[in-house]
Protein backbone atom coordinates (compact mmCIF):
# COMPACT_ATOMS: atom_id res chain seq x y z
CA MET A 1 98.01 114.05 80.44
CA ASP A 2 94.90 115.96 81.52
CA PHE A 3 94.53 117.64 84.90
CA PRO A 4 90.75 118.07 85.23
CA VAL A 5 90.77 119.07 88.88
CA LEU A 6 93.45 121.75 88.43
CA GLN A 7 91.49 123.06 85.45
CA GLN A 8 88.28 123.07 87.45
CA ILE A 9 89.63 125.01 90.43
CA GLY A 10 91.68 127.51 88.38
CA ALA A 11 95.07 126.36 89.64
CA MET A 12 96.45 126.05 86.11
CA ASP A 13 96.24 129.84 85.77
CA PHE A 14 99.07 130.19 88.30
CA LEU A 15 101.44 127.96 86.31
CA SER A 16 103.92 128.82 83.57
CA ASP A 17 103.60 127.19 80.16
CA TYR A 18 106.15 124.64 81.37
CA GLY A 19 104.14 124.11 84.55
CA LYS A 20 101.00 123.53 82.52
CA LYS A 21 102.71 120.97 80.29
CA ILE A 22 104.85 119.04 82.79
CA TYR A 23 103.56 115.76 84.19
CA ASN A 24 104.96 112.59 85.65
CA PRO A 25 104.20 109.62 83.41
CA THR A 26 103.28 106.25 84.87
CA GLY A 27 106.83 105.00 84.43
CA ILE A 28 109.38 103.07 86.46
CA PHE A 29 108.59 104.50 89.90
CA TYR A 30 104.84 103.94 89.42
CA TRP A 31 105.25 100.28 88.46
CA SER A 32 107.94 99.72 91.05
CA GLY A 33 105.71 101.10 93.78
CA ARG A 34 102.86 98.84 92.78
CA SER A 35 105.10 95.83 92.40
CA LYS A 36 106.48 96.11 95.93
CA ASN A 37 102.99 95.36 97.20
CA GLU A 38 101.52 93.23 94.42
CA ALA A 39 104.27 91.29 92.64
CA LYS A 40 105.69 87.86 93.31
CA ILE A 41 108.64 88.59 91.02
CA ASN A 42 109.70 92.24 90.75
CA ALA A 43 111.60 93.16 87.59
CA THR A 44 110.88 96.88 87.63
CA ILE A 45 113.43 99.24 89.17
CA GLY A 46 117.16 99.33 88.40
CA THR A 47 118.54 98.48 91.83
CA ALA A 48 120.49 95.28 92.43
CA MET A 49 118.56 93.04 94.84
CA GLY A 50 119.51 89.77 96.51
CA LYS A 51 119.56 87.77 99.72
CA SER A 52 121.25 89.39 102.71
CA LYS A 53 123.36 86.28 103.28
CA THR A 54 125.10 87.03 99.97
CA LEU A 55 126.87 89.96 101.61
CA PHE A 56 126.64 89.64 105.38
CA ALA A 57 127.94 86.81 107.55
CA ASP A 58 124.85 87.01 109.75
CA GLY A 59 122.53 87.40 106.76
CA ASP A 60 119.58 85.24 105.84
CA GLU A 61 117.08 84.76 102.99
CA THR A 62 115.71 88.32 103.31
CA GLN A 63 115.78 90.29 100.05
CA ILE A 64 117.77 93.50 100.43
CA THR A 65 119.27 96.17 98.23
CA LEU A 66 122.72 94.83 97.46
CA CYS A 67 125.38 97.23 98.66
CA ILE A 68 128.99 97.66 99.76
CA PRO A 69 129.15 96.21 103.31
CA SER A 70 132.09 98.40 104.31
CA ILE A 71 129.98 101.50 103.55
CA HIS A 72 127.15 100.09 105.65
CA THR A 73 129.49 99.84 108.64
CA TYR A 74 129.49 103.65 108.93
CA PHE A 75 125.75 103.58 109.65
CA PRO A 76 125.43 100.74 112.18
CA SER A 77 122.03 101.82 113.51
CA LEU A 78 120.38 101.86 110.08
CA SER A 79 119.25 98.95 107.93
CA THR A 80 120.35 98.54 104.33
CA GLU A 81 116.84 99.56 103.21
CA GLU A 82 117.09 102.83 105.12
CA ILE A 83 120.34 103.73 103.37
CA PHE A 84 120.75 102.36 99.89
CA PRO A 85 117.48 102.32 97.85
CA TYR A 86 116.16 105.22 95.79
CA ALA A 87 113.76 107.53 97.60
CA PRO A 88 110.35 108.32 96.07
CA GLU A 89 110.38 111.28 93.70
CA ALA A 90 108.45 113.57 96.08
CA GLY A 91 110.28 112.27 99.15
CA ILE A 92 109.77 109.56 101.75
CA PRO A 93 106.10 109.83 102.80
CA ALA A 94 106.84 109.65 106.54
CA PHE A 95 109.48 112.38 106.20
CA ARG A 96 107.04 114.59 104.30
CA GLU A 97 104.45 114.12 107.06
CA ALA A 98 107.05 114.92 109.72
CA TRP A 99 108.22 118.05 107.89
CA LYS A 100 104.62 119.29 107.64
CA LYS A 101 104.16 118.73 111.38
CA TRP A 102 107.36 120.72 111.94
CA LEU A 103 105.93 123.61 109.89
CA LEU A 104 102.64 123.49 111.77
CA ARG A 105 104.50 123.55 115.07
CA LYS A 106 106.13 126.84 113.99
CA ALA A 107 102.88 128.27 112.58
CA GLY A 108 101.40 129.19 115.95
CA ALA A 109 97.85 130.53 115.73
CA SER A 110 97.72 129.74 112.00
CA ALA A 111 98.41 126.02 112.46
CA GLU A 112 94.81 124.82 112.32
CA ARG A 113 94.08 126.77 109.12
CA LEU A 114 97.32 125.70 107.48
CA ASP A 115 96.74 122.06 108.38
CA GLN A 116 93.71 122.21 106.11
CA GLN A 117 95.22 124.39 103.39
CA THR A 118 98.77 123.10 102.96
CA LEU A 119 99.69 120.11 100.86
CA LEU A 120 102.36 117.63 101.87
CA PRO A 121 105.78 119.18 101.20
CA ILE A 122 107.58 118.13 98.02
CA VAL A 123 111.14 117.09 98.88
CA VAL A 124 113.86 118.62 96.71
CA SER A 125 117.66 118.67 96.82
CA GLY A 126 118.00 121.83 98.87
CA ILE A 127 116.32 125.22 98.68
CA THR A 128 118.38 126.08 95.61
CA ALA A 129 116.65 123.28 93.73
CA GLY A 130 113.33 124.38 95.21
CA ILE A 131 113.78 127.92 93.91
CA SER A 132 114.80 126.64 90.49
CA ILE A 133 111.86 124.23 90.29
CA CYS A 134 109.33 126.83 91.44
CA THR A 135 110.69 129.38 89.01
CA ARG A 136 110.21 126.94 86.15
CA MET A 137 106.77 125.95 87.41
CA PHE A 138 105.39 129.47 87.81
CA VAL A 139 107.40 131.87 85.59
CA ASP A 140 107.67 131.74 81.82
CA PRO A 141 111.10 132.32 80.23
CA GLY A 142 111.46 135.92 79.14
CA THR A 143 109.00 137.18 81.75
CA PRO A 144 109.89 138.92 85.02
CA ILE A 145 110.13 137.75 88.60
CA VAL A 146 109.96 140.35 91.38
CA VAL A 147 112.92 140.37 93.78
CA PRO A 148 114.64 142.99 95.98
CA ASP A 149 117.91 144.59 94.98
CA LYS A 150 119.59 143.18 98.10
CA ARG A 151 119.43 139.47 97.28
CA TRP A 152 121.43 136.26 97.23
CA GLU A 153 123.64 136.37 94.14
CA ASN A 154 122.61 132.85 93.07
CA TYR A 155 119.07 134.10 92.40
CA ASP A 156 120.35 135.80 89.27
CA ASN A 157 122.02 132.59 88.11
CA ILE A 158 118.78 130.70 88.57
CA PHE A 159 116.41 133.29 87.13
CA GLU A 160 118.37 134.75 84.24
CA ARG A 161 120.81 132.07 83.17
CA ASN A 162 119.08 128.84 84.15
CA VAL A 163 115.38 129.51 83.58
CA GLY A 164 115.69 132.55 81.30
CA ASN A 165 113.58 135.04 83.25
CA THR A 166 114.02 138.76 83.53
CA ILE A 167 114.19 140.50 86.91
CA GLU A 168 111.80 143.19 88.16
CA GLU A 169 113.89 144.73 90.90
CA PHE A 170 112.82 147.01 93.71
CA GLN A 171 114.86 148.85 96.34
CA THR A 172 114.87 146.69 99.48
CA PHE A 173 114.85 149.45 102.07
CA ASP A 174 112.96 152.65 102.63
CA GLY A 175 115.18 154.14 105.31
CA GLN A 176 115.44 151.46 108.01
CA ASP A 177 112.27 149.65 106.92
CA PHE A 178 111.30 147.20 104.22
CA ASN A 179 110.20 149.12 101.13
CA MET A 180 106.59 147.95 100.91
CA PRO A 181 105.48 150.63 98.42
CA GLY A 182 108.38 149.70 96.13
CA PHE A 183 107.53 146.00 96.41
CA LEU A 184 103.86 146.54 95.50
CA GLN A 185 104.83 148.88 92.67
CA ALA A 186 107.14 146.23 91.22
CA ILE A 187 104.22 143.78 91.18
CA GLN A 188 102.07 146.42 89.49
CA ASN A 189 104.78 146.88 86.89
CA VAL A 190 104.57 143.19 86.02
CA TRP A 191 100.78 143.28 85.97
CA ALA A 192 100.92 146.11 83.45
CA THR A 193 101.84 143.55 80.76
CA GLN A 194 100.41 140.29 82.13
CA ASP A 195 97.77 139.05 84.55
CA LYS A 196 100.09 137.05 86.84
CA ALA A 197 103.13 138.08 88.82
CA VAL A 198 105.61 135.97 90.78
CA ALA A 199 107.60 137.48 93.65
CA LEU A 200 110.26 136.04 95.94
CA LEU A 201 111.02 137.32 99.43
CA ASN A 202 113.68 136.14 101.88
CA PHE A 203 113.50 136.89 105.64
CA PRO A 204 115.95 136.87 107.36
CA ASN A 205 117.42 138.26 104.21
CA ASN A 206 120.63 137.11 102.58
CA PRO A 207 122.83 139.22 102.37
CA THR A 208 121.48 141.81 104.85
CA GLY A 209 120.07 139.76 107.73
CA TYR A 210 116.97 141.98 107.72
CA CYS A 211 113.80 140.70 109.44
CA PRO A 212 110.70 142.88 109.72
CA PRO A 213 109.73 144.10 113.19
CA LYS A 214 106.60 142.38 114.49
CA ALA A 215 104.38 145.38 113.82
CA ALA A 216 105.79 145.73 110.29
CA ALA A 217 105.20 142.02 109.66
CA THR A 218 101.56 142.36 110.68
CA GLN A 219 101.20 145.41 108.45
CA PHE A 220 102.86 143.52 105.57
CA VAL A 221 100.26 140.77 105.82
CA GLN A 222 97.41 143.28 105.93
CA ASP A 223 98.80 145.24 102.98
CA ILE A 224 99.15 142.12 100.82
CA ALA A 225 95.58 141.05 101.60
CA ALA A 226 94.20 144.51 100.75
CA PHE A 227 96.37 144.72 97.63
CA MET A 228 95.06 141.43 96.26
CA ASP A 229 91.46 142.30 97.16
CA ALA A 230 91.87 145.55 95.22
CA ASN A 231 93.13 143.63 92.15
CA PRO A 232 90.77 140.63 91.87
CA SER A 233 91.52 140.04 88.17
CA LYS A 234 95.27 139.71 88.80
CA LYS A 235 97.19 136.79 90.30
CA LEU A 236 100.27 136.60 92.50
CA VAL A 237 102.50 133.68 93.41
CA LEU A 238 104.37 134.69 96.55
CA LEU A 239 107.49 132.58 97.16
CA PHE A 240 109.10 132.64 100.61
CA ASP A 241 112.76 131.61 100.75
CA ASP A 242 112.86 130.65 104.41
CA ALA A 243 116.41 129.31 104.51
CA TYR A 244 117.19 131.21 107.73
CA GLU A 245 113.82 130.98 109.43
CA GLY A 246 114.07 131.10 113.21
CA TYR A 247 117.51 132.72 113.34
CA VAL A 248 116.22 136.05 114.64
CA TYR A 249 118.14 137.63 117.51
CA ASP A 250 116.08 140.79 118.05
CA GLU A 251 113.07 140.11 120.28
CA GLU A 252 111.10 142.91 118.62
CA SER A 253 111.35 141.29 115.17
CA GLU A 254 109.21 138.59 113.59
CA ASN A 255 110.93 135.25 114.15
CA ALA A 256 108.70 133.04 111.99
CA SER A 257 108.02 132.95 108.27
CA LEU A 258 105.40 135.35 106.93
CA PHE A 259 104.10 132.34 104.98
CA TYR A 260 102.18 131.30 108.10
CA GLN A 261 100.30 134.59 108.31
CA ILE A 262 99.57 135.10 104.60
CA GLU A 263 96.17 133.61 103.81
CA PRO A 264 95.89 132.15 100.30
CA LYS A 265 93.17 133.60 98.10
CA ALA A 266 91.64 132.76 94.75
CA ASN A 267 94.22 135.13 93.26
CA LEU A 268 97.08 134.61 95.77
CA LEU A 269 99.19 131.46 96.07
CA PRO A 270 101.77 131.43 98.91
CA VAL A 271 104.63 128.92 98.53
CA LYS A 272 107.14 128.11 101.25
CA LEU A 273 110.71 127.01 100.51
CA ASP A 274 112.77 125.69 103.40
CA GLY A 275 115.20 122.93 104.25
CA MET A 276 117.65 121.19 106.52
CA SER A 277 120.79 123.19 105.65
CA LYS A 278 120.27 125.91 108.24
CA GLU A 279 117.20 124.76 110.17
CA MET A 280 118.85 121.46 111.11
CA LEU A 281 122.43 122.69 110.61
CA TRP A 282 123.03 119.92 108.08
CA TYR A 283 124.47 121.77 105.11
CA GLY A 284 125.53 118.68 103.16
CA ALA A 285 122.20 116.88 103.48
CA ARG A 286 120.84 118.86 100.52
CA ILE A 287 117.24 118.32 101.54
CA GLY A 288 114.73 121.09 100.98
CA ALA A 289 110.95 121.27 100.75
CA ILE A 290 108.32 123.05 98.66
CA THR A 291 105.03 123.61 100.50
CA LEU A 292 101.95 125.11 98.84
CA ALA A 293 99.02 126.67 100.71
CA CYS A 294 95.82 126.19 98.71
CA PRO A 295 93.11 128.84 98.63
CA ASP A 296 89.85 127.79 100.29
CA ALA A 297 88.15 128.43 96.94
CA TRP A 298 90.11 125.52 95.44
CA LEU A 299 89.19 123.16 98.24
CA GLU A 300 85.53 124.15 98.03
CA LYS A 301 85.44 123.15 94.37
CA ALA A 302 87.32 119.86 94.59
CA ASP A 303 88.39 117.22 97.06
CA LYS A 304 91.75 118.12 98.65
CA ALA A 305 93.18 114.65 97.95
CA LYS A 306 92.50 115.09 94.22
CA VAL A 307 94.00 118.59 94.20
CA GLU A 308 97.07 117.27 95.98
CA SER A 309 97.39 114.29 93.67
CA GLU A 310 97.39 116.40 90.50
CA LEU A 311 99.72 119.11 91.83
CA GLU A 312 102.06 116.49 93.23
CA ASN A 313 102.14 114.77 89.85
CA LYS A 314 103.41 117.97 88.26
CA PHE A 315 106.11 118.50 90.86
CA ARG A 316 107.07 114.83 90.68
CA GLY A 317 107.42 115.33 86.94
CA VAL A 318 109.90 118.19 87.25
CA VAL A 319 111.84 116.41 90.03
CA ARG A 320 111.96 113.27 87.91
CA ASN A 321 113.34 115.05 84.84
CA THR A 322 115.94 117.11 86.75
CA ILE A 323 117.28 115.41 89.90
CA SER A 324 115.25 112.15 89.77
CA ASN A 325 114.92 111.93 93.58
CA CYS A 326 116.63 113.08 96.75
CA ASN A 327 118.98 111.69 99.36
CA ARG A 328 117.24 108.85 101.24
CA LEU A 329 119.81 108.65 104.04
CA ALA A 330 119.36 112.31 105.04
CA GLN A 331 115.58 111.96 105.07
CA VAL A 332 115.72 108.80 107.18
CA ALA A 333 118.16 110.29 109.70
CA ALA A 334 116.14 113.49 110.03
CA LEU A 335 112.93 111.51 110.39
CA LYS A 336 114.42 109.57 113.29
CA ALA A 337 115.65 112.81 114.87
CA PHE A 338 112.20 114.37 114.52
CA LYS A 339 110.83 111.69 116.83
CA ASN A 340 112.68 113.56 119.57
CA LEU A 341 112.26 117.05 118.18
CA ASP A 342 112.48 118.78 121.55
CA GLN A 343 115.99 117.38 122.01
CA VAL A 344 116.97 118.46 118.49
CA LEU A 345 115.76 122.00 119.15
CA ALA A 346 117.50 122.12 122.53
CA GLU A 347 120.76 121.09 120.88
CA ARG A 348 120.28 123.66 118.12
CA GLN A 349 119.69 126.34 120.75
CA THR A 350 123.36 126.14 121.70
CA VAL A 351 124.28 127.26 118.17
CA PHE A 352 121.54 129.90 118.19
CA ASN A 353 122.86 131.38 121.43
CA LEU A 354 126.38 131.52 120.03
CA LEU A 355 125.17 133.30 116.86
CA ALA A 356 123.08 135.69 118.93
CA GLU A 357 126.16 136.69 120.93
CA ARG A 358 128.12 137.31 117.72
CA TYR A 359 125.20 139.34 116.40
CA ARG A 360 125.13 141.59 119.46
CA VAL A 361 128.87 142.22 119.38
CA LEU A 362 128.83 142.89 115.63
CA LYS A 363 125.84 145.22 115.92
CA ALA A 364 127.66 147.28 118.55
CA LYS A 365 130.90 147.43 116.55
CA LEU A 366 129.15 148.44 113.33
CA ALA A 367 127.39 151.27 115.17
CA ASP A 368 130.82 152.78 115.89
CA ILE A 369 132.05 152.67 112.28
CA ASP A 370 132.50 156.01 110.55
CA PRO A 371 129.41 156.46 108.29
CA ASP A 372 131.53 158.54 105.92
CA LEU A 373 133.24 155.23 105.09
CA LEU A 374 130.82 152.38 105.67
CA ILE A 375 127.08 152.14 106.41
CA ALA A 376 125.47 148.92 107.66
CA ASP A 377 121.98 147.96 106.52
CA PRO A 378 119.43 147.15 109.22
CA PHE A 379 119.72 143.55 110.35
CA GLN A 380 118.05 141.49 113.05
CA GLY A 381 118.96 137.89 112.25
CA GLY A 382 120.21 135.32 109.79
CA PHE A 383 123.84 134.43 109.16
CA PHE A 384 124.91 137.67 107.44
CA CYS A 385 124.89 141.42 107.49
CA PHE A 386 125.59 143.89 104.69
CA VAL A 387 127.84 146.92 104.91
CA ASN A 388 127.50 149.53 102.18
CA ILE A 389 130.52 151.49 101.01
CA ASN A 390 129.65 155.15 101.24
CA PRO A 391 129.15 156.32 97.60
CA ASN A 392 131.12 159.48 98.38
CA THR A 393 134.30 157.41 98.72
CA GLY A 394 134.17 156.45 95.05
CA LEU A 395 135.46 152.98 95.96
CA ASN A 396 134.29 149.68 94.48
CA ALA A 397 133.43 146.73 96.72
CA PRO A 398 135.64 144.19 94.88
CA ASP A 399 138.66 146.48 95.33
CA VAL A 400 137.96 146.92 99.03
CA CYS A 401 137.48 143.18 99.59
CA ASP A 402 140.62 142.38 97.64
CA HIS A 403 142.67 144.83 99.72
CA LEU A 404 141.03 143.53 102.90
CA LEU A 405 142.08 140.00 102.07
CA LYS A 406 145.61 140.81 100.89
CA GLU A 407 146.60 143.29 103.59
CA TYR A 408 144.56 142.19 106.59
CA LYS A 409 143.89 138.51 105.82
CA VAL A 410 140.14 139.03 106.24
CA GLY A 411 137.87 137.23 103.78
CA THR A 412 134.54 138.81 102.80
CA VAL A 413 132.22 138.81 99.77
CA PRO A 414 131.80 141.97 97.66
CA SER A 415 128.42 142.74 96.12
CA GLN A 416 128.27 145.26 93.31
CA ARG A 417 125.23 145.48 91.08
CA GLY A 418 123.37 148.60 90.00
CA VAL A 419 123.43 151.03 92.92
CA MET A 420 124.42 148.26 95.35
CA ASN A 421 128.06 148.46 96.33
CA GLY A 422 129.03 146.82 99.59
CA ILE A 423 130.36 143.89 101.59
CA ARG A 424 128.54 140.83 102.88
CA LEU A 425 129.83 139.65 106.26
CA ALA A 426 129.06 136.05 107.16
CA PHE A 427 129.32 136.52 110.93
CA CYS A 428 128.02 132.97 111.37
CA GLY A 429 131.58 131.76 110.76
CA VAL A 430 133.49 134.36 112.79
CA GLU A 431 134.46 133.75 116.42
CA VAL A 432 133.10 136.46 118.69
CA GLU A 433 136.59 137.55 119.78
CA ASP A 434 137.52 138.17 116.10
CA ILE A 435 134.59 140.47 115.33
CA PRO A 436 136.28 143.69 116.53
CA GLU A 437 139.27 143.00 114.30
CA LEU A 438 136.94 142.25 111.38
CA CYS A 439 135.22 145.63 111.71
CA ASP A 440 138.41 147.57 112.35
CA SER A 441 140.07 145.95 109.33
CA MET A 442 137.20 147.00 107.06
CA GLN A 443 137.60 150.61 108.11
CA LYS A 444 141.35 150.45 107.66
CA ALA A 445 140.99 148.95 104.19
CA VAL A 446 138.71 151.78 103.08
CA LYS A 447 141.02 154.40 104.57
CA ASP A 448 144.04 152.81 102.88
CA LEU A 449 142.38 153.00 99.47
CA LEU A 450 141.32 156.60 100.02
CA LYS A 451 144.89 157.75 100.61
């Protein structure tokens, strides 16, 4: 299949070989979609259909998706057609529209620009799927992706073992700040052997909880713009894993995704990855979204609807050949909740306030820990913080976490890779009154092993 518009505007240059080749053929979902509106008899999609009276005592001649009535009883406010049919490959259109409005609401002063530049989000089965899909779409196997050394461990599974990439790693921190020189140098290292680089950033960061201060966030945006202007022949796809967006407890730190402030350019493609797991506190929904911001240069060369149609076809193609489509029920329920978004956010605020209290108590306790034993990384938000084991102890994180669990009944996650050797604390799941014991137990465990 040809993609003349993507060729014309230069978008194909951002894609991997896989991304260039993938497309969604005019198969079952295409003909099913047409047939819903045009057919008298619909023999397209593989869902059992029949009259509602076949299953329900109060049913009639209406054609419905045949289902298990006892399952339907758990969702009394929803119709069978809101629960049981397949969802479209890219997501329910109304949900996609609602999710974009949600992003624009958070975008502040950038909302008007982003309304023009962003495409409708592509719905995927959680941010994990979104990262995997974007990696395949933008990074060729055997080539590097730029990520910090302090990162979610599943990144390595996705990049190295699933897609087959290599990792261009940079040190996350320069003192107490994000290591911007190291980040830009890592991109330069990739550009030394190819014209396109792909980088992934995650704020608030998992495992550290780091969020840039507001001034640092502004400087980050300015530095990226200048960096790309100084390298006009090179391209960068900048992926933002915004799983924990909004969970920022320090008023001096940036509480919204940097995606909103980064302006796309002819050589810079920002991509936002977010979802319902944390933002809507619905971990089992497994609904995420991929949102692309198109450079103005693309939209000046071609009609936005045509650009969107061709890019969406490619993402539909990869969704179709991996997960087929995503959970309809979760999209429908969230869509209904979005109609009263202020209430949803007010209810979420209760959880935010609880996490903020835990954050403040944990921050104070970690400040009292002996730095000869343990050293916490800077953190301002998210669900986690990261405590480094002082290298002078000679101890390994897995040994400390094992002892911590066996002797003190405290469960944590060790992270040991390269020079990283420390403990991730998921304070999101720890009651505030248990935080002092958590911190004291860590110190005791280290002291025990040093004896």
